[in-house]
Amino acid sequence: MSTDLAAPLFQISPASTGHGLSLSESAAGRLAELAAAEGHPVMLRVAVDGGGCSGFQYRLELVEAAEVDDIRITADGQTALVDAVSLPFLKGSEIAFVDELAGAQFVVRNPNAASSCGCGVSFSI
């Protein structure tokens, strides 16, 4: 009987070794505006959940505190947080803020997504 284990489908790399996640200038600017409006620092938590019309969906929420195992992505003094379970799905992604005719929102520009729905909230790999 072999004791060799199959290679994992995803590798989780620690923040210090380059997960490739980035927080855009637009997202950092919007987080700074929200923190000023709230009167205290806020961070953007980005997670991937199963579901949505394409198989996975992004969950974005403003939080005041990080969890112990969160990966921090910082830019211009602002922070986004990603949990270790979501990290493989987001590797190489950019977290941005867009203000367009259709609305203003944080978005994830994910190079791993093979397809996404029209609203951009759900995706497949």
N, C-alpha and C. Protein backbone atom coordinates (compact mmCIF):
# COMPACT_ATOMS: atom_id res chain seq x y z
N MET A 1 0.85 -1.17 0.00
CA MET A 1 0.00 0.00 0.00
C MET A 1 0.90 1.24 0.00
N SER A 2 0.64 2.12 -0.90
CA SER A 2 1.44 3.34 -1.01
C SER A 2 0.98 4.37 0.00
N THR A 3 1.93 5.09 0.57
CA THR A 3 1.59 6.16 1.51
C THR A 3 1.67 7.53 0.85
N ASP A 4 1.95 7.55 -0.46
CA ASP A 4 2.02 8.83 -1.17
C ASP A 4 0.62 9.43 -1.27
N LEU A 5 0.53 10.70 -0.99
CA LEU A 5 -0.74 11.40 -1.12
C LEU A 5 -0.76 12.16 -2.43
N ALA A 6 -1.92 12.22 -3.04
CA ALA A 6 -2.06 12.99 -4.27
C ALA A 6 -1.83 14.46 -3.97
N ALA A 7 -1.31 15.16 -4.94
CA ALA A 7 -1.09 16.60 -4.77
C ALA A 7 -2.43 17.29 -4.57
N PRO A 8 -2.51 18.26 -3.65
CA PRO A 8 -3.78 18.97 -3.43
C PRO A 8 -4.18 19.77 -4.66
N LEU A 9 -5.48 19.93 -4.82
CA LEU A 9 -6.01 20.68 -5.95
C LEU A 9 -5.55 22.13 -5.89
N PHE A 10 -5.51 22.72 -4.69
CA PHE A 10 -5.08 24.10 -4.51
C PHE A 10 -3.96 24.15 -3.50
N GLN A 11 -3.04 25.06 -3.67
CA GLN A 11 -2.00 25.31 -2.69
C GLN A 11 -2.28 26.66 -2.06
N ILE A 12 -2.28 26.72 -0.75
CA ILE A 12 -2.47 27.99 -0.05
C ILE A 12 -1.10 28.52 0.33
N SER A 13 -0.79 29.68 -0.18
CA SER A 13 0.51 30.27 0.13
C SER A 13 0.34 31.34 1.19
N PRO A 14 1.24 31.40 2.16
CA PRO A 14 1.17 32.45 3.18
C PRO A 14 1.31 33.82 2.54
N ALA A 15 0.78 34.82 3.20
CA ALA A 15 0.82 36.18 2.67
C ALA A 15 2.25 36.62 2.37
N SER A 16 3.20 36.17 3.16
CA SER A 16 4.57 36.62 2.97
C SER A 16 5.23 36.05 1.72
N THR A 17 4.67 34.99 1.14
CA THR A 17 5.29 34.39 -0.02
C THR A 17 4.60 34.76 -1.32
N GLY A 18 3.67 35.66 -1.29
CA GLY A 18 3.09 36.15 -2.53
C GLY A 18 1.85 35.43 -3.00
N HIS A 19 0.74 35.77 -2.47
CA HIS A 19 -0.54 35.21 -2.87
C HIS A 19 -1.06 35.88 -4.14
N GLY A 20 -0.45 37.00 -4.50
CA GLY A 20 -0.85 37.67 -5.73
C GLY A 20 -2.10 38.52 -5.62
N LEU A 21 -2.69 38.62 -4.45
CA LEU A 21 -3.87 39.46 -4.27
C LEU A 21 -3.46 40.92 -4.18
N SER A 22 -4.29 41.80 -4.74
CA SER A 22 -3.98 43.22 -4.62
C SER A 22 -5.26 44.02 -4.36
N LEU A 23 -5.08 45.13 -3.70
CA LEU A 23 -6.15 46.08 -3.41
C LEU A 23 -5.87 47.31 -4.26
N SER A 24 -6.78 47.63 -5.17
CA SER A 24 -6.54 48.74 -6.08
C SER A 24 -6.61 50.09 -5.37
N GLU A 25 -6.08 51.09 -6.04
CA GLU A 25 -6.14 52.45 -5.51
C GLU A 25 -7.59 52.90 -5.32
N SER A 26 -8.47 52.50 -6.25
CA SER A 26 -9.88 52.89 -6.14
C SER A 26 -10.53 52.26 -4.92
N ALA A 27 -10.21 50.99 -4.64
CA ALA A 27 -10.77 50.31 -3.47
C ALA A 27 -10.23 50.91 -2.18
N ALA A 28 -8.93 51.18 -2.15
CA ALA A 28 -8.34 51.79 -0.95
C ALA A 28 -8.95 53.16 -0.70
N GLY A 29 -9.15 53.93 -1.76
CA GLY A 29 -9.76 55.25 -1.61
C GLY A 29 -11.17 55.18 -1.07
N ARG A 30 -11.95 54.20 -1.57
CA ARG A 30 -13.33 54.06 -1.09
C ARG A 30 -13.35 53.59 0.36
N LEU A 31 -12.44 52.69 0.74
CA LEU A 31 -12.38 52.26 2.13
C LEU A 31 -12.03 53.43 3.05
N ALA A 32 -11.14 54.31 2.61
CA ALA A 32 -10.78 55.49 3.40
C ALA A 32 -11.99 56.40 3.56
N GLU A 33 -12.77 56.59 2.50
CA GLU A 33 -13.99 57.41 2.58
C GLU A 33 -15.00 56.80 3.55
N LEU A 34 -15.18 55.49 3.48
CA LEU A 34 -16.12 54.82 4.38
C LEU A 34 -15.67 54.91 5.83
N ALA A 35 -14.35 54.78 6.06
CA ALA A 35 -13.81 54.89 7.42
C ALA A 35 -14.04 56.29 7.97
N ALA A 36 -13.85 57.30 7.13
CA ALA A 36 -14.07 58.68 7.56
C ALA A 36 -15.54 58.90 7.90
N ALA A 37 -16.43 58.35 7.09
CA ALA A 37 -17.86 58.50 7.33
C ALA A 37 -18.31 57.78 8.61
N GLU A 38 -17.70 56.61 8.87
CA GLU A 38 -18.04 55.82 10.05
C GLU A 38 -17.39 56.37 11.32
N GLY A 39 -16.28 57.08 11.15
CA GLY A 39 -15.57 57.60 12.30
C GLY A 39 -14.59 56.63 12.92
N HIS A 40 -14.33 55.51 12.25
CA HIS A 40 -13.37 54.52 12.72
C HIS A 40 -12.90 53.68 11.53
N PRO A 41 -11.74 53.04 11.65
CA PRO A 41 -11.25 52.23 10.54
C PRO A 41 -12.19 51.07 10.20
N VAL A 42 -12.30 50.78 8.93
CA VAL A 42 -13.05 49.61 8.46
C VAL A 42 -12.18 48.84 7.48
N MET A 43 -12.43 47.54 7.40
CA MET A 43 -11.71 46.68 6.46
C MET A 43 -12.75 45.95 5.62
N LEU A 44 -12.36 45.58 4.42
CA LEU A 44 -13.24 44.86 3.52
C LEU A 44 -12.91 43.38 3.58
N ARG A 45 -13.87 42.57 4.03
CA ARG A 45 -13.70 41.12 4.04
C ARG A 45 -14.21 40.58 2.71
N VAL A 46 -13.36 39.81 2.03
CA VAL A 46 -13.71 39.18 0.75
C VAL A 46 -13.64 37.68 0.95
N ALA A 47 -14.75 37.00 0.68
CA ALA A 47 -14.80 35.55 0.85
C ALA A 47 -15.48 34.93 -0.36
N VAL A 48 -15.26 33.65 -0.55
CA VAL A 48 -15.91 32.90 -1.62
C VAL A 48 -16.79 31.85 -0.97
N ASP A 49 -18.06 31.83 -1.35
CA ASP A 49 -19.02 30.84 -0.86
C ASP A 49 -19.52 30.01 -2.02
N GLY A 50 -19.94 28.80 -1.74
CA GLY A 50 -20.59 27.98 -2.75
C GLY A 50 -21.97 28.54 -3.02
N GLY A 51 -22.40 28.50 -4.27
CA GLY A 51 -23.74 28.98 -4.61
C GLY A 51 -23.70 30.00 -5.72
N GLY A 52 -24.78 30.72 -5.88
CA GLY A 52 -24.87 31.68 -6.97
C GLY A 52 -25.20 30.97 -8.27
N CYS A 53 -25.46 31.72 -9.29
CA CYS A 53 -25.89 31.11 -10.55
C CYS A 53 -24.75 30.47 -11.33
N SER A 54 -23.49 30.69 -10.92
CA SER A 54 -22.36 30.12 -11.65
C SER A 54 -21.55 29.13 -10.82
N GLY A 55 -21.97 28.81 -9.61
CA GLY A 55 -21.27 27.82 -8.79
C GLY A 55 -20.63 28.36 -7.54
N PHE A 56 -20.00 29.53 -7.63
CA PHE A 56 -19.40 30.19 -6.48
C PHE A 56 -19.87 31.64 -6.47
N GLN A 57 -19.84 32.25 -5.31
CA GLN A 57 -20.19 33.67 -5.24
C GLN A 57 -19.29 34.39 -4.24
N TYR A 58 -19.06 35.66 -4.54
CA TYR A 58 -18.25 36.49 -3.66
C TYR A 58 -19.14 37.02 -2.54
N ARG A 59 -18.57 37.06 -1.34
CA ARG A 59 -19.23 37.70 -0.21
C ARG A 59 -18.32 38.84 0.22
N LEU A 60 -18.84 40.06 0.18
CA LEU A 60 -18.08 41.26 0.53
C LEU A 60 -18.78 41.94 1.70
N GLU A 61 -18.02 42.23 2.74
CA GLU A 61 -18.62 42.92 3.88
C GLU A 61 -17.58 43.79 4.56
N LEU A 62 -18.06 44.87 5.15
CA LEU A 62 -17.19 45.76 5.92
C LEU A 62 -17.14 45.26 7.35
N VAL A 63 -15.92 45.16 7.89
CA VAL A 63 -15.74 44.70 9.26
C VAL A 63 -14.77 45.63 9.98
N GLU A 64 -14.82 45.58 11.29
CA GLU A 64 -13.94 46.41 12.10
C GLU A 64 -12.73 45.66 12.61
N ALA A 65 -12.80 44.33 12.64
CA ALA A 65 -11.70 43.54 13.19
C ALA A 65 -11.42 42.34 12.29
N ALA A 66 -10.16 41.94 12.25
CA ALA A 66 -9.74 40.78 11.48
C ALA A 66 -9.81 39.53 12.34
N GLU A 67 -9.96 38.38 11.70
CA GLU A 67 -9.86 37.10 12.39
C GLU A 67 -8.37 36.74 12.48
N VAL A 68 -8.02 35.86 13.38
CA VAL A 68 -6.63 35.50 13.63
C VAL A 68 -5.95 34.97 12.36
N ASP A 69 -6.65 34.16 11.57
CA ASP A 69 -6.02 33.53 10.41
C ASP A 69 -6.26 34.27 9.09
N ASP A 70 -6.78 35.47 9.13
CA ASP A 70 -7.02 36.24 7.91
C ASP A 70 -5.72 36.64 7.22
N ILE A 71 -5.75 36.65 5.92
CA ILE A 71 -4.66 37.19 5.12
C ILE A 71 -5.00 38.65 4.86
N ARG A 72 -4.06 39.54 5.12
CA ARG A 72 -4.29 40.98 4.96
C ARG A 72 -3.69 41.45 3.64
N ILE A 73 -4.48 42.21 2.90
CA ILE A 73 -4.03 42.83 1.67
C ILE A 73 -4.15 44.33 1.91
N THR A 74 -3.04 45.05 1.84
CA THR A 74 -3.07 46.47 2.16
C THR A 74 -2.61 47.32 0.99
N ALA A 75 -3.17 48.51 0.94
CA ALA A 75 -2.77 49.53 -0.03
C ALA A 75 -3.17 50.88 0.52
N ASP A 76 -2.28 51.84 0.43
CA ASP A 76 -2.56 53.22 0.87
C ASP A 76 -3.16 53.27 2.27
N GLY A 77 -2.67 52.41 3.15
CA GLY A 77 -3.13 52.42 4.54
C GLY A 77 -4.47 51.76 4.77
N GLN A 78 -5.05 51.13 3.75
CA GLN A 78 -6.35 50.46 3.87
C GLN A 78 -6.14 48.96 3.73
N THR A 79 -7.10 48.18 4.27
CA THR A 79 -6.93 46.72 4.33
C THR A 79 -8.15 45.98 3.84
N ALA A 80 -7.88 44.92 3.07
CA ALA A 80 -8.89 43.91 2.73
C ALA A 80 -8.45 42.62 3.40
N LEU A 81 -9.40 41.78 3.75
CA LEU A 81 -9.12 40.53 4.45
C LEU A 81 -9.66 39.36 3.64
N VAL A 82 -8.90 38.27 3.61
CA VAL A 82 -9.34 37.06 2.93
C VAL A 82 -9.03 35.89 3.85
N ASP A 83 -9.99 34.97 4.00
CA ASP A 83 -9.76 33.79 4.83
C ASP A 83 -9.00 32.74 4.02
N ALA A 84 -8.36 31.82 4.71
CA ALA A 84 -7.51 30.81 4.07
C ALA A 84 -8.30 29.89 3.15
N VAL A 85 -9.56 29.63 3.44
CA VAL A 85 -10.37 28.76 2.59
C VAL A 85 -10.67 29.43 1.25
N SER A 86 -10.90 30.73 1.25
CA SER A 86 -11.21 31.47 0.02
C SER A 86 -9.99 31.78 -0.82
N LEU A 87 -8.82 31.82 -0.19
CA LEU A 87 -7.60 32.25 -0.87
C LEU A 87 -7.32 31.53 -2.19
N PRO A 88 -7.42 30.20 -2.26
CA PRO A 88 -7.11 29.54 -3.54
C PRO A 88 -7.99 29.99 -4.70
N PHE A 89 -9.23 30.36 -4.41
CA PHE A 89 -10.16 30.80 -5.45
C PHE A 89 -9.86 32.23 -5.90
N LEU A 90 -9.14 32.97 -5.07
CA LEU A 90 -8.89 34.39 -5.33
C LEU A 90 -7.44 34.69 -5.72
N LYS A 91 -6.59 33.68 -5.76
CA LYS A 91 -5.17 33.89 -6.03
C LYS A 91 -4.98 34.70 -7.32
N GLY A 92 -4.20 35.77 -7.21
CA GLY A 92 -3.92 36.62 -8.37
C GLY A 92 -4.98 37.66 -8.66
N SER A 93 -6.01 37.77 -7.83
CA SER A 93 -7.12 38.70 -8.08
C SER A 93 -6.81 40.11 -7.62
N GLU A 94 -7.52 41.05 -8.21
CA GLU A 94 -7.48 42.43 -7.77
C GLU A 94 -8.84 42.80 -7.21
N ILE A 95 -8.83 43.41 -6.04
CA ILE A 95 -10.06 43.92 -5.42
C ILE A 95 -10.12 45.40 -5.75
N ALA A 96 -11.19 45.82 -6.41
CA ALA A 96 -11.30 47.21 -6.88
C ALA A 96 -12.65 47.78 -6.49
N PHE A 97 -12.79 49.07 -6.68
CA PHE A 97 -14.07 49.75 -6.50
C PHE A 97 -14.39 50.44 -7.82
N VAL A 98 -15.59 50.18 -8.33
CA VAL A 98 -16.01 50.81 -9.58
C VAL A 98 -17.26 51.65 -9.33
N ASP A 99 -17.31 52.78 -9.98
CA ASP A 99 -18.45 53.69 -9.90
C ASP A 99 -18.88 53.96 -11.33
N GLU A 100 -19.91 53.22 -11.77
CA GLU A 100 -20.37 53.29 -13.15
C GLU A 100 -21.85 53.65 -13.18
N LEU A 101 -22.35 53.81 -14.37
CA LEU A 101 -23.77 54.13 -14.55
C LEU A 101 -24.67 53.09 -13.89
N ALA A 102 -24.25 51.83 -13.95
CA ALA A 102 -25.05 50.74 -13.37
C ALA A 102 -24.98 50.72 -11.85
N GLY A 103 -24.04 51.43 -11.25
CA GLY A 103 -23.93 51.47 -9.81
C GLY A 103 -22.49 51.49 -9.34
N ALA A 104 -22.31 51.71 -8.07
CA ALA A 104 -20.99 51.74 -7.45
C ALA A 104 -20.86 50.54 -6.53
N GLN A 105 -19.73 49.82 -6.65
CA GLN A 105 -19.55 48.63 -5.83
C GLN A 105 -18.10 48.18 -5.83
N PHE A 106 -17.76 47.40 -4.81
CA PHE A 106 -16.48 46.71 -4.81
C PHE A 106 -16.61 45.52 -5.74
N VAL A 107 -15.57 45.23 -6.51
CA VAL A 107 -15.57 44.10 -7.43
C VAL A 107 -14.27 43.31 -7.28
N VAL A 108 -14.32 42.05 -7.67
CA VAL A 108 -13.14 41.19 -7.68
C VAL A 108 -12.83 40.88 -9.13
N ARG A 109 -11.64 41.27 -9.56
CA ARG A 109 -11.18 40.95 -10.91
C ARG A 109 -10.34 39.68 -10.78
N ASN A 110 -10.98 38.55 -11.07
CA ASN A 110 -10.42 37.24 -10.76
C ASN A 110 -9.95 36.52 -12.03
N PRO A 111 -8.63 36.34 -12.20
CA PRO A 111 -8.14 35.65 -13.39
C PRO A 111 -8.44 34.15 -13.39
N ASN A 112 -8.88 33.61 -12.25
CA ASN A 112 -9.20 32.19 -12.15
C ASN A 112 -10.62 31.88 -12.61
N ALA A 113 -11.47 32.88 -12.73
CA ALA A 113 -12.87 32.67 -13.09
C ALA A 113 -12.98 32.36 -14.58
N ALA A 114 -13.52 31.18 -14.89
CA ALA A 114 -13.72 30.78 -16.28
C ALA A 114 -14.93 31.50 -16.87
N SER A 115 -15.91 31.76 -16.01
CA SER A 115 -17.10 32.50 -16.44
C SER A 115 -17.72 33.16 -15.23
N SER A 116 -18.57 34.14 -15.47
CA SER A 116 -19.26 34.81 -14.37
C SER A 116 -20.65 35.21 -14.84
N CYS A 117 -21.49 35.52 -13.88
CA CYS A 117 -22.85 35.95 -14.22
C CYS A 117 -22.83 37.43 -14.59
N GLY A 118 -23.94 37.92 -15.07
CA GLY A 118 -24.03 39.31 -15.51
C GLY A 118 -23.78 40.32 -14.41
N CYS A 119 -24.14 40.00 -13.18
CA CYS A 119 -23.95 40.95 -12.09
C CYS A 119 -22.52 40.94 -11.55
N GLY A 120 -21.74 39.90 -11.89
CA GLY A 120 -20.36 39.83 -11.44
C GLY A 120 -20.18 39.30 -10.04
N VAL A 121 -21.25 38.87 -9.39
CA VAL A 121 -21.14 38.37 -8.02
C VAL A 121 -20.82 36.89 -7.98
N SER A 122 -21.29 36.12 -8.96
CA SER A 122 -20.99 34.69 -8.96
C SER A 122 -20.10 34.34 -10.14
N PHE A 123 -19.37 33.22 -9.98
CA PHE A 123 -18.40 32.83 -11.00
C PHE A 123 -18.20 31.31 -10.96
N SER A 124 -17.58 30.79 -12.00
CA SER A 124 -17.20 29.37 -12.02
C SER A 124 -15.72 29.28 -12.34
N ILE A 125 -15.13 28.15 -11.96
CA ILE A 125 -13.71 27.92 -12.21
C ILE A 125 -13.58 26.73 -13.14
